[in-house]
């Protein structure tokens, strides 16, 4: 996931990324499926972010992103899987050039 950058507002709908909005439909962040990395199912992101030690503004941002991701998780999983298959099985050349080497990353988890 990448923090909001002004140029993200110019992105057209594309299966290689997913835009995260707040409740007021302001762009907060973007998930780039081409930059996915494998994460063990028991991995706790909240601990990694040291959430409880962050200031209120940052906690609010993380909470808003989490809510949006959680409410759209089926679509996110579906799109992530589609990119994964396109890169690893169908060998989509364009996606392969912009994506991580998923199979190599999986070997090292």
Foldseek 3Di string as FASTA:
>chain_A
DAFDDPCVVVDDDDLQKDFAAAPVRDTGGMGGLLEDFDDDPPDDVCVVVVLVPDDPVVNVSVVRRVVRCVVCVVVVVVSSVVLVCCVPPVVVPVSVVSHDPHVVRVVVD
